[in-house]
Amino acid sequence: MDAMLKAYLARWSPVAEIERQEQQSATLELRWQQLNAAVGMAIGLGILIPAEDEIEVFERWAKLKEKVTDQHLVTLHRY
């Protein structure tokens, strides 16, 4: 079993290295988009239900980001 585990890890090691390099070279804008998408998905699935005060903070950050980059971000809904 130990040999199978080592073989499995050896096969996926190059993939993990490429993913690490991609993540390291990602721009701040790309990381922000990925984070925004993940939070939006979590809220949409009902996994993350932010508190009222957190929603206000998210909305302020979204407005600031929109003004800086002319991008429309996920709008959080109050539950």
PDB file of N, CA and C in Angstrom:
ATOM      1  N   MET A   1       0.826  -1.196   0.000  1.00  0.00           N
ATOM      2  CA  MET A   1       0.000   0.000   0.000  1.00  0.00           C
ATOM      3  C   MET A   1       0.867   1.256   0.000  1.00  0.00           C
ATOM      4  N   ASP A   2       1.957   1.228   0.743  1.00  0.00           N
ATOM      5  CA  ASP A   2       2.853   2.371   0.808  1.00  0.00           C
ATOM      6  C   ASP A   2       3.454   2.676  -0.571  1.00  0.00           C
ATOM      7  N   ALA A   3       3.765   1.649  -1.336  1.00  0.00           N
ATOM      8  CA  ALA A   3       4.326   1.837  -2.675  1.00  0.00           C
ATOM      9  C   ALA A   3       3.296   2.480  -3.598  1.00  0.00           C
ATOM     10  N   MET A   4       2.023   2.088  -3.450  1.00  0.00           N
ATOM     11  CA  MET A   4       0.960   2.676  -4.272  1.00  0.00           C
ATOM     12  C   MET A   4       0.783   4.165  -3.957  1.00  0.00           C
ATOM     13  N   LEU A   5       0.880   4.495  -2.693  1.00  0.00           N
ATOM     14  CA  LEU A   5       0.750   5.887  -2.290  1.00  0.00           C
ATOM     15  C   LEU A   5       1.900   6.716  -2.854  1.00  0.00           C
ATOM     16  N   LYS A   6       3.108   6.191  -2.761  1.00  0.00           N
ATOM     17  CA  LYS A   6       4.273   6.900  -3.292  1.00  0.00           C
ATOM     18  C   LYS A   6       4.162   7.090  -4.801  1.00  0.00           C
ATOM     19  N   ALA A   7       3.674   6.060  -5.507  1.00  0.00           N
ATOM     20  CA  ALA A   7       3.506   6.149  -6.960  1.00  0.00           C
ATOM     21  C   ALA A   7       2.456   7.203  -7.312  1.00  0.00           C
ATOM     22  N   TYR A   8       1.375   7.222  -6.547  1.00  0.00           N
ATOM     23  CA  TYR A   8       0.306   8.204  -6.768  1.00  0.00           C
ATOM     24  C   TYR A   8       0.836   9.628  -6.578  1.00  0.00           C
ATOM     25  N   LEU A   9       1.543   9.837  -5.483  1.00  0.00           N
ATOM     26  CA  LEU A   9       2.105  11.158  -5.203  1.00  0.00           C
ATOM     27  C   LEU A   9       3.122  11.557  -6.259  1.00  0.00           C
ATOM     28  N   ALA A  10       3.912  10.613  -6.726  1.00  0.00           N
ATOM     29  CA  ALA A  10       4.914  10.899  -7.754  1.00  0.00           C
ATOM     30  C   ALA A  10       4.247  11.322  -9.064  1.00  0.00           C
ATOM     31  N   ARG A  11       3.108  10.695  -9.403  1.00  0.00           N
ATOM     32  CA  ARG A  11       2.394  11.062 -10.630  1.00  0.00           C
ATOM     33  C   ARG A  11       1.826  12.475 -10.555  1.00  0.00           C
ATOM     34  N   TRP A  12       1.349  12.863  -9.389  1.00  0.00           N
ATOM     35  CA  TRP A  12       0.693  14.158  -9.253  1.00  0.00           C
ATOM     36  C   TRP A  12       1.641  15.278  -8.844  1.00  0.00           C
ATOM     37  N   SER A  13       2.848  14.964  -8.528  1.00  0.00           N
ATOM     38  CA  SER A  13       3.816  15.974  -8.121  1.00  0.00           C
ATOM     39  C   SER A  13       4.042  17.048  -9.187  1.00  0.00           C
ATOM     40  N   PRO A  14       4.216  16.677 -10.473  1.00  0.00           N
ATOM     41  CA  PRO A  14       4.400  17.722 -11.499  1.00  0.00           C
ATOM     42  C   PRO A  14       3.168  18.626 -11.639  1.00  0.00           C
ATOM     43  N   VAL A  15       1.985  18.051 -11.482  1.00  0.00           N
ATOM     44  CA  VAL A  15       0.758  18.838 -11.565  1.00  0.00           C
ATOM     45  C   VAL A  15       0.702  19.835 -10.411  1.00  0.00           C
ATOM     46  N   ALA A  16       1.022  19.385  -9.223  1.00  0.00           N
ATOM     47  CA  ALA A  16       1.030  20.252  -8.056  1.00  0.00           C
ATOM     48  C   ALA A  16       2.031  21.396  -8.229  1.00  0.00           C
ATOM     49  N   GLU A  17       3.163  21.119  -8.828  1.00  0.00           N
ATOM     50  CA  GLU A  17       4.177  22.157  -9.056  1.00  0.00           C
ATOM     51  C   GLU A  17       3.670  23.207 -10.041  1.00  0.00           C
ATOM     52  N   ILE A  18       3.010  22.778 -11.107  1.00  0.00           N
ATOM     53  CA  ILE A  18       2.457  23.716 -12.084  1.00  0.00           C
ATOM     54  C   ILE A  18       1.376  24.577 -11.433  1.00  0.00           C
ATOM     55  N   GLU A  19       0.510  23.947 -10.638  1.00  0.00           N
ATOM     56  CA  GLU A  19      -0.532  24.706  -9.941  1.00  0.00           C
ATOM     57  C   GLU A  19       0.083  25.726  -8.977  1.00  0.00           C
ATOM     58  N   ARG A  20       1.139  25.343  -8.296  1.00  0.00           N
ATOM     59  CA  ARG A  20       1.813  26.253  -7.367  1.00  0.00           C
ATOM     60  C   ARG A  20       2.382  27.454  -8.119  1.00  0.00           C
ATOM     61  N   GLN A  21       2.999  27.202  -9.276  1.00  0.00           N
ATOM     62  CA  GLN A  21       3.577  28.279 -10.074  1.00  0.00           C
ATOM     63  C   GLN A  21       2.494  29.219 -10.604  1.00  0.00           C
ATOM     64  N   GLU A  22       1.373  28.635 -11.054  1.00  0.00           N
ATOM     65  CA  GLU A  22       0.275  29.451 -11.553  1.00  0.00           C
ATOM     66  C   GLU A  22      -0.288  30.340 -10.451  1.00  0.00           C
ATOM     67  N   GLN A  23      -0.471  29.768  -9.273  1.00  0.00           N
ATOM     68  CA  GLN A  23      -1.006  30.533  -8.155  1.00  0.00           C
ATOM     69  C   GLN A  23      -0.044  31.643  -7.747  1.00  0.00           C
ATOM     70  N   GLN A  24       1.226  31.344  -7.774  1.00  0.00           N
ATOM     71  CA  GLN A  24       2.238  32.318  -7.383  1.00  0.00           C
ATOM     72  C   GLN A  24       2.291  33.488  -8.364  1.00  0.00           C
ATOM     73  N   SER A  25       2.045  33.215  -9.640  1.00  0.00           N
ATOM     74  CA  SER A  25       2.141  34.267 -10.651  1.00  0.00           C
ATOM     75  C   SER A  25       0.811  34.989 -10.891  1.00  0.00           C
ATOM     76  N   ALA A  26      -0.247  34.569 -10.208  1.00  0.00           N
ATOM     77  CA  ALA A  26      -1.553  35.195 -10.389  1.00  0.00           C
ATOM     78  C   ALA A  26      -1.519  36.650  -9.912  1.00  0.00           C
ATOM     79  N   THR A  27      -2.174  37.503 -10.666  1.00  0.00           N
ATOM     80  CA  THR A  27      -2.228  38.915 -10.300  1.00  0.00           C
ATOM     81  C   THR A  27      -3.205  39.116  -9.147  1.00  0.00           C
ATOM     82  N   LEU A  28      -3.083  40.253  -8.512  1.00  0.00           N
ATOM     83  CA  LEU A  28      -3.993  40.594  -7.430  1.00  0.00           C
ATOM     84  C   LEU A  28      -5.426  40.666  -7.945  1.00  0.00           C
ATOM     85  N   GLU A  29      -5.604  41.196  -9.140  1.00  0.00           N
ATOM     86  CA  GLU A  29      -6.942  41.300  -9.729  1.00  0.00           C
ATOM     87  C   GLU A  29      -7.550  39.910  -9.935  1.00  0.00           C
ATOM     88  N   LEU A  30      -6.759  38.964 -10.447  1.00  0.00           N
ATOM     89  CA  LEU A  30      -7.253  37.606 -10.654  1.00  0.00           C
ATOM     90  C   LEU A  30      -7.616  36.955  -9.323  1.00  0.00           C
ATOM     91  N   ARG A  31      -6.776  37.133  -8.330  1.00  0.00           N
ATOM     92  CA  ARG A  31      -7.067  36.559  -7.014  1.00  0.00           C
ATOM     93  C   ARG A  31      -8.330  37.165  -6.430  1.00  0.00           C
ATOM     94  N   TRP A  32      -8.524  38.477  -6.616  1.00  0.00           N
ATOM     95  CA  TRP A  32      -9.730  39.133  -6.132  1.00  0.00           C
ATOM     96  C   TRP A  32     -10.960  38.545  -6.825  1.00  0.00           C
ATOM     97  N   GLN A  33     -10.884  38.349  -8.144  1.00  0.00           N
ATOM     98  CA  GLN A  33     -11.997  37.769  -8.892  1.00  0.00           C
ATOM     99  C   GLN A  33     -12.299  36.355  -8.409  1.00  0.00           C
ATOM    100  N   GLN A  34     -11.263  35.557  -8.150  1.00  0.00           N
ATOM    101  CA  GLN A  34     -11.458  34.196  -7.678  1.00  0.00           C
ATOM    102  C   GLN A  34     -12.107  34.189  -6.297  1.00  0.00           C
ATOM    103  N   LEU A  35     -11.635  35.066  -5.419  1.00  0.00           N
ATOM    104  CA  LEU A  35     -12.212  35.153  -4.085  1.00  0.00           C
ATOM    105  C   LEU A  35     -13.663  35.605  -4.159  1.00  0.00           C
ATOM    106  N   ASN A  36     -13.935  36.612  -4.974  1.00  0.00           N
ATOM    107  CA  ASN A  36     -15.282  37.121  -5.128  1.00  0.00           C
ATOM    108  C   ASN A  36     -16.211  36.031  -5.663  1.00  0.00           C
ATOM    109  N   ALA A  37     -15.732  35.250  -6.629  1.00  0.00           N
ATOM    110  CA  ALA A  37     -16.537  34.160  -7.180  1.00  0.00           C
ATOM    111  C   ALA A  37     -16.809  33.087  -6.134  1.00  0.00           C
ATOM    112  N   ALA A  38     -15.805  32.757  -5.346  1.00  0.00           N
ATOM    113  CA  ALA A  38     -15.975  31.734  -4.312  1.00  0.00           C
ATOM    114  C   ALA A  38     -16.970  32.182  -3.241  1.00  0.00           C
ATOM    115  N   VAL A  39     -16.868  33.433  -2.813  1.00  0.00           N
ATOM    116  CA  VAL A  39     -17.796  33.959  -1.807  1.00  0.00           C
ATOM    117  C   VAL A  39     -19.205  34.002  -2.382  1.00  0.00           C
ATOM    118  N   GLY A  40     -19.327  34.468  -3.619  1.00  0.00           N
ATOM    119  CA  GLY A  40     -20.640  34.520  -4.268  1.00  0.00           C
ATOM    120  C   GLY A  40     -21.264  33.148  -4.392  1.00  0.00           C
ATOM    121  N   MET A  41     -20.465  32.144  -4.728  1.00  0.00           N
ATOM    122  CA  MET A  41     -20.968  30.783  -4.838  1.00  0.00           C
ATOM    123  C   MET A  41     -21.406  30.254  -3.474  1.00  0.00           C
ATOM    124  N   ALA A  42     -20.603  30.520  -2.457  1.00  0.00           N
ATOM    125  CA  ALA A  42     -20.938  30.056  -1.112  1.00  0.00           C
ATOM    126  C   ALA A  42     -22.235  30.697  -0.630  1.00  0.00           C
ATOM    127  N   ILE A  43     -22.415  31.963  -0.910  1.00  0.00           N
ATOM    128  CA  ILE A  43     -23.652  32.642  -0.518  1.00  0.00           C
ATOM    129  C   ILE A  43     -24.831  32.087  -1.318  1.00  0.00           C
ATOM    130  N   GLY A  44     -24.629  31.894  -2.618  1.00  0.00           N
ATOM    131  CA  GLY A  44     -25.684  31.347  -3.469  1.00  0.00           C
ATOM    132  C   GLY A  44     -26.123  29.953  -3.045  1.00  0.00           C
ATOM    133  N   LEU A  45     -25.187  29.158  -2.568  1.00  0.00           N
ATOM    134  CA  LEU A  45     -25.505  27.799  -2.115  1.00  0.00           C
ATOM    135  C   LEU A  45     -26.022  27.770  -0.683  1.00  0.00           C
ATOM    136  N   GLY A  46     -25.998  28.915  -0.024  1.00  0.00           N
ATOM    137  CA  GLY A  46     -26.468  28.978   1.356  1.00  0.00           C
ATOM    138  C   GLY A  46     -25.452  28.484   2.370  1.00  0.00           C
ATOM    139  N   ILE A  47     -24.223  28.287   1.928  1.00  0.00           N
ATOM    140  CA  ILE A  47     -23.163  27.817   2.829  1.00  0.00           C
ATOM    141  C   ILE A  47     -22.689  28.951   3.718  1.00  0.00           C
ATOM    142  N   LEU A  48     -22.642  30.141   3.165  1.00  0.00           N
ATOM    143  CA  LEU A  48     -22.171  31.321   3.889  1.00  0.00           C
ATOM    144  C   LEU A  48     -23.294  32.344   3.930  1.00  0.00           C
ATOM    145  N   ILE A  49     -23.748  32.640   5.102  1.00  0.00           N
ATOM    146  CA  ILE A  49     -24.764  33.666   5.273  1.00  0.00           C
ATOM    147  C   ILE A  49     -24.145  34.743   6.148  1.00  0.00           C
ATOM    148  N   PRO A  50     -23.675  35.823   5.517  1.00  0.00           N
ATOM    149  CA  PRO A  50     -22.991  36.861   6.298  1.00  0.00           C
ATOM    150  C   PRO A  50     -23.943  37.584   7.244  1.00  0.00           C
ATOM    151  N   ALA A  51     -23.401  38.055   8.337  1.00  0.00           N
ATOM    152  CA  ALA A  51     -24.162  38.862   9.286  1.00  0.00           C
ATOM    153  C   ALA A  51     -24.466  40.215   8.650  1.00  0.00           C
ATOM    154  N   GLU A  52     -25.441  40.906   9.186  1.00  0.00           N
ATOM    155  CA  GLU A  52     -25.837  42.201   8.636  1.00  0.00           C
ATOM    156  C   GLU A  52     -24.672  43.177   8.524  1.00  0.00           C
ATOM    157  N   ASP A  53     -23.840  43.269   9.563  1.00  0.00           N
ATOM    158  CA  ASP A  53     -22.728  44.213   9.512  1.00  0.00           C
ATOM    159  C   ASP A  53     -21.681  43.795   8.493  1.00  0.00           C
ATOM    160  N   GLU A  54     -21.514  42.493   8.270  1.00  0.00           N
ATOM    161  CA  GLU A  54     -20.570  42.022   7.250  1.00  0.00           C
ATOM    162  C   GLU A  54     -21.060  42.383   5.858  1.00  0.00           C
ATOM    163  N   ILE A  55     -22.357  42.311   5.638  1.00  0.00           N
ATOM    164  CA  ILE A  55     -22.917  42.647   4.325  1.00  0.00           C
ATOM    165  C   ILE A  55     -22.595  44.089   3.976  1.00  0.00           C
ATOM    166  N   GLU A  56     -22.727  44.977   4.942  1.00  0.00           N
ATOM    167  CA  GLU A  56     -22.425  46.380   4.690  1.00  0.00           C
ATOM    168  C   GLU A  56     -20.958  46.570   4.299  1.00  0.00           C
ATOM    169  N   VAL A  57     -20.072  45.852   4.954  1.00  0.00           N
ATOM    170  CA  VAL A  57     -18.649  45.941   4.634  1.00  0.00           C
ATOM    171  C   VAL A  57     -18.392  45.412   3.231  1.00  0.00           C
ATOM    172  N   PHE A  58     -18.973  44.252   2.889  1.00  0.00           N
ATOM    173  CA  PHE A  58     -18.808  43.694   1.547  1.00  0.00           C
ATOM    174  C   PHE A  58     -19.324  44.660   0.491  1.00  0.00           C
ATOM    175  N   GLU A  59     -20.470  45.277   0.745  1.00  0.00           N
ATOM    176  CA  GLU A  59     -21.038  46.204  -0.227  1.00  0.00           C
ATOM    177  C   GLU A  59     -20.158  47.436  -0.413  1.00  0.00           C
ATOM    178  N   ARG A  60     -19.582  47.944   0.680  1.00  0.00           N
ATOM    179  CA  ARG A  60     -18.664  49.086   0.558  1.00  0.00           C
ATOM    180  C   ARG A  60     -17.441  48.721  -0.259  1.00  0.00           C
ATOM    181  N   TRP A  61     -16.857  47.536   0.016  1.00  0.00           N
ATOM    182  CA  TRP A  61     -15.685  47.098  -0.751  1.00  0.00           C
ATOM    183  C   TRP A  61     -16.046  46.915  -2.226  1.00  0.00           C
ATOM    184  N   ALA A  62     -17.232  46.373  -2.497  1.00  0.00           N
ATOM    185  CA  ALA A  62     -17.660  46.166  -3.881  1.00  0.00           C
ATOM    186  C   ALA A  62     -17.790  47.498  -4.606  1.00  0.00           C
ATOM    187  N   LYS A  63     -18.362  48.502  -3.938  1.00  0.00           N
ATOM    188  CA  LYS A  63     -18.499  49.823  -4.561  1.00  0.00           C
ATOM    189  C   LYS A  63     -17.133  50.435  -4.851  1.00  0.00           C
ATOM    190  N   LEU A  64     -16.213  50.319  -3.886  1.00  0.00           N
ATOM    191  CA  LEU A  64     -14.866  50.849  -4.105  1.00  0.00           C
ATOM    192  C   LEU A  64     -14.175  50.135  -5.263  1.00  0.00           C
ATOM    193  N   LYS A  65     -14.269  48.816  -5.287  1.00  0.00           N
ATOM    194  CA  LYS A  65     -13.648  48.022  -6.349  1.00  0.00           C
ATOM    195  C   LYS A  65     -14.237  48.391  -7.704  1.00  0.00           C
ATOM    196  N   GLU A  66     -15.569  48.565  -7.756  1.00  0.00           N
ATOM    197  CA  GLU A  66     -16.226  48.946  -8.998  1.00  0.00           C
ATOM    198  C   GLU A  66     -15.709  50.280  -9.519  1.00  0.00           C
ATOM    199  N   LYS A  67     -15.559  51.246  -8.619  1.00  0.00           N
ATOM    200  CA  LYS A  67     -15.082  52.567  -9.028  1.00  0.00           C
ATOM    201  C   LYS A  67     -13.656  52.506  -9.547  1.00  0.00           C
ATOM    202  N   VAL A  68     -12.834  51.661  -8.968  1.00  0.00           N
ATOM    203  CA  VAL A  68     -11.428  51.578  -9.356  1.00  0.00           C
ATOM    204  C   VAL A  68     -11.255  50.814 -10.658  1.00  0.00           C
ATOM    205  N   THR A  69     -12.009  49.733 -10.842  1.00  0.00           N
ATOM    206  CA  THR A  69     -11.769  48.849 -11.984  1.00  0.00           C
ATOM    207  C   THR A  69     -12.892  48.824 -13.009  1.00  0.00           C
ATOM    208  N   ASP A  70     -13.988  49.521 -12.762  1.00  0.00           N
ATOM    209  CA  ASP A  70     -15.161  49.488 -13.646  1.00  0.00           C
ATOM    210  C   ASP A  70     -15.695  48.076 -13.825  1.00  0.00           C
ATOM    211  N   GLN A  71     -15.593  47.252 -12.787  1.00  0.00           N
ATOM    212  CA  GLN A  71     -16.116  45.887 -12.828  1.00  0.00           C
ATOM    213  C   GLN A  71     -17.307  45.791 -11.892  1.00  0.00           C
ATOM    214  N   HIS A  72     -18.272  44.997 -12.288  1.00  0.00           N
ATOM    215  CA  HIS A  72     -19.423  44.759 -11.422  1.00  0.00           C
ATOM    216  C   HIS A  72     -19.163  43.482 -10.641  1.00  0.00           C
ATOM    217  N   LEU A  73     -19.302  43.555  -9.333  1.00  0.00           N
ATOM    218  CA  LEU A  73     -19.023  42.429  -8.464  1.00  0.00           C
ATOM    219  C   LEU A  73     -20.315  41.816  -7.959  1.00  0.00           C
ATOM    220  N   VAL A  74     -20.201  40.687  -7.323  1.00  0.00           N
ATOM    221  CA  VAL A  74     -21.355  39.984  -6.775  1.00  0.00           C
ATOM    222  C   VAL A  74     -22.048  40.875  -5.747  1.00  0.00           C
ATOM    223  N   THR A  75     -23.343  40.999  -5.877  1.00  0.00           N
ATOM    224  CA  THR A  75     -24.113  41.757  -4.897  1.00  0.00           C
ATOM    225  C   THR A  75     -24.607  40.794  -3.846  1.00  0.00           C
ATOM    226  N   LEU A  76     -24.380  41.117  -2.597  1.00  0.00           N
ATOM    227  CA  LEU A  76     -24.811  40.273  -1.507  1.00  0.00           C
ATOM    228  C   LEU A  76     -26.260  40.572  -1.177  1.00  0.00           C
ATOM    229  N   HIS A  77     -26.999  39.536  -0.879  1.00  0.00           N
ATOM    230  CA  HIS A  77     -28.413  39.692  -0.567  1.00  0.00           C
ATOM    231  C   HIS A  77     -28.616  39.559   0.938  1.00  0.00           C
ATOM    232  N   ARG A  78     -29.482  40.370   1.466  1.00  0.00           N
ATOM    233  CA  ARG A  78     -29.814  40.286   2.892  1.00  0.00           C
ATOM    234  C   ARG A  78     -30.852  39.181   3.080  1.00  0.00           C
ATOM    235  N   TYR A  79     -30.617  38.374   4.098  1.00  0.00           N
ATOM    236  CA  TYR A  79     -31.539  37.271   4.378  1.00  0.00           C
ATOM    237  C   TYR A  79     -32.387  37.575   5.571  1.00  0.00           C
TER     238      TYR A  79
END
